[in-house]
Amino acid sequence: MPARRKARKRALDVLFEADLRDRPPVEVLAGYLDRIENPRPAHVDYAIDLVEGVAANLNRIDELIASYAEGWTLDRMPVVDRNLARIAVYELLYVDEIDDPVAITEAVELARQMSTDDSPRFLNGLLGRVAEYATR
């Protein structure tokens, strides 16, 4: 698995736990980092950036997801999909070195592995609309 995909998966794990436990993502991240053996794998730094970035911009990210998720509210989305969307929207808006198609493809691929059969198509459409908005 490529390093950035591993980082996205780890960020998803942290955001998923924070979402389910209704805890701040940075607090869950701190506990997660305490459990990792040193030296940390290299991809952990990007996972930290993702979690901290999503947490710092959560209101704006959720606002965009809610605006572009046709027929879905944030609360109705599967937890995995909601948090994959958060990671991808963060990358689309705030991480210049990640191309938009890469951010979308990575979210879709993780959804294919970890969520429902409909999730890849749903996320692809949602993230495509957000990417279109972001490039205006």
N, C-alpha and C. Protein backbone atom coordinates (compact mmCIF):
# COMPACT_ATOMS: atom_id res chain seq x y z
N MET A 1 0.85 -1.18 0.00
CA MET A 1 0.00 0.00 0.00
C MET A 1 0.90 1.25 0.00
N PRO A 2 0.64 2.19 -0.90
CA PRO A 2 1.45 3.41 -0.94
C PRO A 2 1.39 4.18 0.39
N ALA A 3 2.44 4.91 0.68
CA ALA A 3 2.58 5.60 1.97
C ALA A 3 1.42 6.57 2.24
N ARG A 4 1.05 7.36 1.25
CA ARG A 4 -0.04 8.32 1.51
C ARG A 4 -1.37 7.62 1.71
N ARG A 5 -1.57 6.48 1.04
CA ARG A 5 -2.81 5.74 1.28
C ARG A 5 -2.83 5.20 2.71
N LYS A 6 -1.68 4.72 3.18
CA LYS A 6 -1.58 4.27 4.58
C LYS A 6 -1.89 5.43 5.52
N ALA A 7 -1.37 6.60 5.19
CA ALA A 7 -1.63 7.78 6.03
C ALA A 7 -3.12 8.11 6.04
N ARG A 8 -3.75 8.05 4.89
CA ARG A 8 -5.19 8.33 4.82
C ARG A 8 -5.97 7.30 5.63
N LYS A 9 -5.56 6.05 5.55
CA LYS A 9 -6.22 4.98 6.31
C LYS A 9 -6.07 5.24 7.80
N ARG A 10 -4.88 5.60 8.24
CA ARG A 10 -4.67 5.90 9.66
C ARG A 10 -5.47 7.12 10.09
N ALA A 11 -5.50 8.15 9.26
CA ALA A 11 -6.31 9.33 9.57
C ALA A 11 -7.79 8.96 9.65
N LEU A 12 -8.23 8.09 8.74
CA LEU A 12 -9.62 7.62 8.78
C LEU A 12 -9.90 6.90 10.09
N ASP A 13 -8.98 6.04 10.52
CA ASP A 13 -9.17 5.33 11.80
C ASP A 13 -9.37 6.31 12.95
N VAL A 14 -8.55 7.34 13.00
CA VAL A 14 -8.64 8.33 14.08
C VAL A 14 -9.94 9.12 13.99
N LEU A 15 -10.27 9.60 12.80
CA LEU A 15 -11.50 10.39 12.62
C LEU A 15 -12.75 9.55 12.86
N PHE A 16 -12.70 8.29 12.45
CA PHE A 16 -13.82 7.37 12.69
C PHE A 16 -14.05 7.21 14.19
N GLU A 17 -12.97 6.95 14.92
CA GLU A 17 -13.09 6.78 16.37
C GLU A 17 -13.60 8.06 17.03
N ALA A 18 -13.06 9.19 16.63
CA ALA A 18 -13.48 10.47 17.20
C ALA A 18 -14.97 10.71 16.93
N ASP A 19 -15.40 10.38 15.73
CA ASP A 19 -16.80 10.56 15.35
C ASP A 19 -17.72 9.66 16.18
N LEU A 20 -17.36 8.39 16.29
CA LEU A 20 -18.19 7.45 17.05
C LEU A 20 -18.24 7.75 18.54
N ARG A 21 -17.11 8.20 19.07
CA ARG A 21 -17.04 8.46 20.52
C ARG A 21 -17.39 9.90 20.87
N ASP A 22 -17.67 10.71 19.85
CA ASP A 22 -17.99 12.12 20.03
C ASP A 22 -16.89 12.82 20.82
N ARG A 23 -15.65 12.59 20.38
CA ARG A 23 -14.46 13.18 21.00
C ARG A 23 -13.77 14.08 19.98
N PRO A 24 -13.02 15.06 20.43
CA PRO A 24 -12.26 15.88 19.48
C PRO A 24 -11.21 15.02 18.75
N PRO A 25 -11.10 15.17 17.44
CA PRO A 25 -10.14 14.35 16.68
C PRO A 25 -8.71 14.48 17.19
N VAL A 26 -8.30 15.66 17.60
CA VAL A 26 -6.92 15.85 18.05
C VAL A 26 -6.68 15.09 19.36
N GLU A 27 -7.70 14.98 20.19
CA GLU A 27 -7.58 14.21 21.44
C GLU A 27 -7.41 12.72 21.13
N VAL A 28 -8.21 12.21 20.20
CA VAL A 28 -8.11 10.81 19.80
C VAL A 28 -6.75 10.57 19.14
N LEU A 29 -6.30 11.52 18.34
CA LEU A 29 -4.99 11.41 17.69
C LEU A 29 -3.88 11.29 18.73
N ALA A 30 -3.93 12.07 19.78
CA ALA A 30 -2.90 12.02 20.83
C ALA A 30 -2.83 10.61 21.44
N GLY A 31 -3.98 10.02 21.72
CA GLY A 31 -4.01 8.66 22.26
C GLY A 31 -3.47 7.65 21.26
N TYR A 32 -3.80 7.85 20.01
CA TYR A 32 -3.32 6.97 18.96
C TYR A 32 -1.79 7.04 18.86
N LEU A 33 -1.25 8.25 18.90
CA LEU A 33 0.20 8.43 18.79
C LEU A 33 0.93 7.83 19.98
N ASP A 34 0.31 7.86 21.15
CA ASP A 34 0.91 7.24 22.34
C ASP A 34 1.08 5.73 22.18
N ARG A 35 0.20 5.13 21.37
CA ARG A 35 0.23 3.67 21.20
C ARG A 35 1.18 3.21 20.09
N ILE A 36 1.67 4.13 19.28
CA ILE A 36 2.56 3.77 18.17
C ILE A 36 3.99 3.64 18.69
N GLU A 37 4.64 2.57 18.24
CA GLU A 37 6.03 2.36 18.63
C GLU A 37 6.95 3.35 17.92
N ASN A 38 8.01 3.73 18.61
CA ASN A 38 9.04 4.56 17.99
C ASN A 38 10.12 3.67 17.41
N PRO A 39 10.71 4.00 16.32
CA PRO A 39 10.41 5.18 15.52
C PRO A 39 9.10 4.99 14.76
N ARG A 40 8.39 6.09 14.59
CA ARG A 40 7.11 6.04 13.88
C ARG A 40 7.35 5.77 12.39
N PRO A 41 6.43 5.06 11.76
CA PRO A 41 6.52 4.92 10.30
C PRO A 41 6.44 6.30 9.64
N ALA A 42 7.09 6.47 8.53
CA ALA A 42 7.17 7.77 7.87
C ALA A 42 5.80 8.34 7.49
N HIS A 43 4.85 7.47 7.15
CA HIS A 43 3.55 7.96 6.71
C HIS A 43 2.72 8.57 7.84
N VAL A 44 3.12 8.34 9.08
CA VAL A 44 2.35 8.86 10.21
C VAL A 44 2.32 10.39 10.21
N ASP A 45 3.40 11.03 9.76
CA ASP A 45 3.42 12.49 9.72
C ASP A 45 2.30 13.04 8.84
N TYR A 46 2.06 12.42 7.69
CA TYR A 46 0.96 12.90 6.83
C TYR A 46 -0.39 12.60 7.47
N ALA A 47 -0.51 11.48 8.15
CA ALA A 47 -1.76 11.17 8.86
C ALA A 47 -2.05 12.24 9.92
N ILE A 48 -1.02 12.66 10.64
CA ILE A 48 -1.17 13.71 11.64
C ILE A 48 -1.64 15.00 10.96
N ASP A 49 -0.99 15.35 9.84
CA ASP A 49 -1.39 16.55 9.11
C ASP A 49 -2.86 16.49 8.69
N LEU A 50 -3.29 15.32 8.22
CA LEU A 50 -4.68 15.16 7.79
C LEU A 50 -5.65 15.34 8.95
N VAL A 51 -5.39 14.65 10.05
CA VAL A 51 -6.30 14.74 11.20
C VAL A 51 -6.35 16.17 11.75
N GLU A 52 -5.18 16.76 11.92
CA GLU A 52 -5.15 18.13 12.45
C GLU A 52 -5.79 19.11 11.47
N GLY A 53 -5.58 18.92 10.19
CA GLY A 53 -6.18 19.80 9.18
C GLY A 53 -7.68 19.67 9.13
N VAL A 54 -8.18 18.43 9.17
CA VAL A 54 -9.63 18.23 9.18
C VAL A 54 -10.22 18.85 10.45
N ALA A 55 -9.59 18.61 11.59
CA ALA A 55 -10.10 19.15 12.85
C ALA A 55 -10.14 20.68 12.83
N ALA A 56 -9.09 21.30 12.31
CA ALA A 56 -9.01 22.76 12.29
C ALA A 56 -10.02 23.40 11.34
N ASN A 57 -10.43 22.65 10.33
CA ASN A 57 -11.34 23.19 9.30
C ASN A 57 -12.67 22.45 9.24
N LEU A 58 -13.01 21.74 10.31
CA LEU A 58 -14.17 20.84 10.29
C LEU A 58 -15.47 21.54 9.93
N ASN A 59 -15.72 22.71 10.48
CA ASN A 59 -16.99 23.38 10.19
C ASN A 59 -17.13 23.69 8.70
N ARG A 60 -16.08 24.22 8.09
CA ARG A 60 -16.12 24.55 6.66
C ARG A 60 -16.22 23.28 5.81
N ILE A 61 -15.47 22.26 6.19
CA ILE A 61 -15.50 20.99 5.45
C ILE A 61 -16.90 20.38 5.52
N ASP A 62 -17.48 20.31 6.72
CA ASP A 62 -18.82 19.74 6.86
C ASP A 62 -19.87 20.57 6.13
N GLU A 63 -19.70 21.88 6.13
CA GLU A 63 -20.62 22.75 5.40
C GLU A 63 -20.61 22.42 3.91
N LEU A 64 -19.43 22.23 3.34
CA LEU A 64 -19.33 21.88 1.93
C LEU A 64 -19.89 20.50 1.64
N ILE A 65 -19.58 19.54 2.49
CA ILE A 65 -20.12 18.19 2.30
C ILE A 65 -21.64 18.23 2.33
N ALA A 66 -22.20 18.91 3.32
CA ALA A 66 -23.66 19.00 3.44
C ALA A 66 -24.27 19.69 2.22
N SER A 67 -23.59 20.71 1.70
CA SER A 67 -24.11 21.45 0.54
C SER A 67 -24.10 20.62 -0.74
N TYR A 68 -23.11 19.76 -0.91
CA TYR A 68 -22.94 19.04 -2.17
C TYR A 68 -23.36 17.57 -2.10
N ALA A 69 -23.76 17.08 -0.96
CA ALA A 69 -24.22 15.69 -0.82
C ALA A 69 -25.70 15.65 -1.14
N GLU A 70 -26.00 15.46 -2.40
CA GLU A 70 -27.39 15.49 -2.85
C GLU A 70 -28.21 14.39 -2.20
N GLY A 71 -29.23 14.81 -1.45
CA GLY A 71 -30.14 13.87 -0.83
C GLY A 71 -29.64 13.23 0.46
N TRP A 72 -28.50 13.67 0.95
CA TRP A 72 -27.94 13.11 2.17
C TRP A 72 -27.59 14.21 3.17
N THR A 73 -27.87 13.96 4.44
CA THR A 73 -27.37 14.83 5.48
C THR A 73 -26.11 14.16 6.04
N LEU A 74 -25.30 14.94 6.73
CA LEU A 74 -24.09 14.37 7.34
C LEU A 74 -24.45 13.23 8.29
N ASP A 75 -25.52 13.41 9.07
CA ASP A 75 -25.90 12.40 10.05
C ASP A 75 -26.35 11.09 9.42
N ARG A 76 -26.89 11.15 8.21
CA ARG A 76 -27.37 9.93 7.54
C ARG A 76 -26.27 9.16 6.83
N MET A 77 -25.15 9.81 6.57
CA MET A 77 -24.05 9.14 5.86
C MET A 77 -23.42 8.08 6.74
N PRO A 78 -22.99 6.97 6.15
CA PRO A 78 -22.19 6.03 6.92
C PRO A 78 -20.97 6.75 7.49
N VAL A 79 -20.57 6.38 8.69
CA VAL A 79 -19.46 7.06 9.37
C VAL A 79 -18.18 7.01 8.53
N VAL A 80 -17.93 5.88 7.90
CA VAL A 80 -16.73 5.75 7.05
C VAL A 80 -16.80 6.76 5.91
N ASP A 81 -17.94 6.84 5.23
CA ASP A 81 -18.08 7.75 4.10
C ASP A 81 -17.92 9.20 4.53
N ARG A 82 -18.54 9.55 5.63
CA ARG A 82 -18.46 10.93 6.13
C ARG A 82 -17.01 11.33 6.39
N ASN A 83 -16.24 10.43 6.98
CA ASN A 83 -14.87 10.76 7.32
C ASN A 83 -13.92 10.66 6.14
N LEU A 84 -14.19 9.76 5.21
CA LEU A 84 -13.42 9.76 3.95
C LEU A 84 -13.67 11.06 3.19
N ALA A 85 -14.92 11.51 3.18
CA ALA A 85 -15.24 12.77 2.52
C ALA A 85 -14.51 13.93 3.20
N ARG A 86 -14.46 13.92 4.51
CA ARG A 86 -13.76 14.99 5.24
C ARG A 86 -12.29 15.03 4.85
N ILE A 87 -11.64 13.88 4.81
CA ILE A 87 -10.22 13.83 4.44
C ILE A 87 -10.04 14.35 3.02
N ALA A 88 -10.85 13.86 2.09
CA ALA A 88 -10.70 14.26 0.69
C ALA A 88 -11.01 15.75 0.49
N VAL A 89 -12.04 16.26 1.14
CA VAL A 89 -12.35 17.68 1.01
C VAL A 89 -11.21 18.52 1.59
N TYR A 90 -10.65 18.08 2.69
CA TYR A 90 -9.49 18.79 3.23
C TYR A 90 -8.37 18.82 2.19
N GLU A 91 -8.08 17.68 1.58
CA GLU A 91 -7.02 17.64 0.57
C GLU A 91 -7.37 18.52 -0.64
N LEU A 92 -8.62 18.49 -1.06
CA LEU A 92 -9.04 19.30 -2.21
C LEU A 92 -8.85 20.80 -1.95
N LEU A 93 -9.17 21.22 -0.74
CA LEU A 93 -9.15 22.65 -0.43
C LEU A 93 -7.82 23.16 0.09
N TYR A 94 -7.11 22.34 0.84
CA TYR A 94 -5.99 22.86 1.62
C TYR A 94 -4.63 22.23 1.34
N VAL A 95 -4.56 21.17 0.56
CA VAL A 95 -3.27 20.50 0.32
C VAL A 95 -2.92 20.66 -1.16
N ASP A 96 -2.11 21.66 -1.44
CA ASP A 96 -1.79 22.01 -2.82
C ASP A 96 -1.01 20.93 -3.56
N GLU A 97 -0.19 20.16 -2.85
CA GLU A 97 0.64 19.18 -3.55
C GLU A 97 -0.11 17.90 -3.94
N ILE A 98 -1.36 17.78 -3.53
CA ILE A 98 -2.18 16.63 -3.93
C ILE A 98 -3.14 17.11 -5.03
N ASP A 99 -3.03 16.49 -6.20
CA ASP A 99 -3.94 16.84 -7.30
C ASP A 99 -5.36 16.38 -6.95
N ASP A 100 -6.35 17.15 -7.40
CA ASP A 100 -7.74 16.83 -7.11
C ASP A 100 -8.13 15.41 -7.51
N PRO A 101 -7.78 14.95 -8.73
CA PRO A 101 -8.15 13.57 -9.09
C PRO A 101 -7.54 12.52 -8.15
N VAL A 102 -6.36 12.79 -7.63
CA VAL A 102 -5.72 11.85 -6.71
C VAL A 102 -6.50 11.79 -5.40
N ALA A 103 -6.87 12.94 -4.85
CA ALA A 103 -7.63 12.98 -3.60
C ALA A 103 -8.95 12.23 -3.76
N ILE A 104 -9.61 12.43 -4.88
CA ILE A 104 -10.90 11.77 -5.13
C ILE A 104 -10.70 10.27 -5.31
N THR A 105 -9.74 9.87 -6.12
CA THR A 105 -9.49 8.45 -6.37
C THR A 105 -9.13 7.71 -5.09
N GLU A 106 -8.30 8.32 -4.26
CA GLU A 106 -7.91 7.68 -3.00
C GLU A 106 -9.12 7.47 -2.08
N ALA A 107 -9.98 8.46 -1.98
CA ALA A 107 -11.18 8.32 -1.15
C ALA A 107 -12.09 7.22 -1.70
N VAL A 108 -12.25 7.20 -3.00
CA VAL A 108 -13.10 6.19 -3.64
C VAL A 108 -12.52 4.80 -3.42
N GLU A 109 -11.21 4.66 -3.55
CA GLU A 109 -10.58 3.35 -3.35
C GLU A 109 -10.73 2.87 -1.91
N LEU A 110 -10.53 3.75 -0.95
CA LEU A 110 -10.72 3.35 0.46
C LEU A 110 -12.18 3.01 0.73
N ALA A 111 -13.10 3.74 0.12
CA ALA A 111 -14.52 3.42 0.28
C ALA A 111 -14.83 2.04 -0.30
N ARG A 112 -14.21 1.73 -1.43
CA ARG A 112 -14.40 0.42 -2.07
C ARG A 112 -13.95 -0.71 -1.13
N GLN A 113 -12.89 -0.45 -0.37
CA GLN A 113 -12.35 -1.47 0.53
C GLN A 113 -13.10 -1.53 1.87
N MET A 114 -13.64 -0.40 2.32
CA MET A 114 -14.08 -0.32 3.72
C MET A 114 -15.54 0.04 3.94
N SER A 115 -16.30 0.32 2.88
CA SER A 115 -17.65 0.79 3.11
C SER A 115 -18.65 0.00 2.27
N THR A 116 -19.78 0.62 1.99
CA THR A 116 -20.85 -0.07 1.29
C THR A 116 -20.59 -0.14 -0.21
N ASP A 117 -21.37 -0.93 -0.91
CA ASP A 117 -21.23 -1.05 -2.37
C ASP A 117 -21.53 0.27 -3.08
N ASP A 118 -22.41 1.08 -2.49
CA ASP A 118 -22.80 2.36 -3.10
C ASP A 118 -21.84 3.49 -2.76
N SER A 119 -20.98 3.29 -1.77
CA SER A 119 -20.12 4.37 -1.28
C SER A 119 -19.15 4.92 -2.32
N PRO A 120 -18.47 4.08 -3.11
CA PRO A 120 -17.53 4.65 -4.09
C PRO A 120 -18.21 5.61 -5.07
N ARG A 121 -19.36 5.24 -5.57
CA ARG A 121 -20.08 6.09 -6.52
C ARG A 121 -20.55 7.38 -5.84
N PHE A 122 -21.07 7.23 -4.62
CA PHE A 122 -21.53 8.40 -3.86
C PHE A 122 -20.39 9.38 -3.62
N LEU A 123 -19.25 8.87 -3.13
CA LEU A 123 -18.12 9.75 -2.84
C LEU A 123 -17.54 10.37 -4.11
N ASN A 124 -17.47 9.61 -5.18
CA ASN A 124 -16.96 10.14 -6.43
C ASN A 124 -17.80 11.33 -6.89
N GLY A 125 -19.11 11.20 -6.83
CA GLY A 125 -19.99 12.30 -7.23
C GLY A 125 -19.87 13.50 -6.32
N LEU A 126 -19.93 13.25 -5.02
CA LEU A 126 -19.83 14.32 -4.03
C LEU A 126 -18.51 15.07 -4.17
N LEU A 127 -17.41 14.34 -4.21
CA LEU A 127 -16.10 14.97 -4.27
C LEU A 127 -15.85 15.66 -5.61
N GLY A 128 -16.41 15.12 -6.67
CA GLY A 128 -16.32 15.79 -7.97
C GLY A 128 -16.99 17.15 -7.93
N ARG A 129 -18.16 17.24 -7.29
CA ARG A 129 -18.86 18.52 -7.17
C ARG A 129 -18.08 19.49 -6.30
N VAL A 130 -17.49 19.00 -5.19
CA VAL A 130 -16.69 19.86 -4.33
C VAL A 130 -15.46 20.36 -5.07
N ALA A 131 -14.81 19.47 -5.82
CA ALA A 131 -13.61 19.86 -6.58
C ALA A 131 -13.95 20.93 -7.61
N GLU A 132 -15.10 20.78 -8.26
CA GLU A 132 -15.54 21.76 -9.24
C GLU A 132 -15.75 23.11 -8.55
N TYR A 133 -16.37 23.09 -7.39
CA TYR A 133 -16.56 24.33 -6.61
C TYR A 133 -15.20 24.93 -6.23
N ALA A 134 -14.28 24.11 -5.81
CA ALA A 134 -12.98 24.59 -5.31
C ALA A 134 -12.14 25.22 -6.41
N THR A 135 -12.35 24.83 -7.65
CA THR A 135 -11.54 25.39 -8.73
C THR A 135 -12.14 26.66 -9.33
N ARG A 136 -13.28 27.07 -8.85
CA ARG A 136 -13.91 28.31 -9.35
C ARG A 136 -13.17 29.51 -8.89
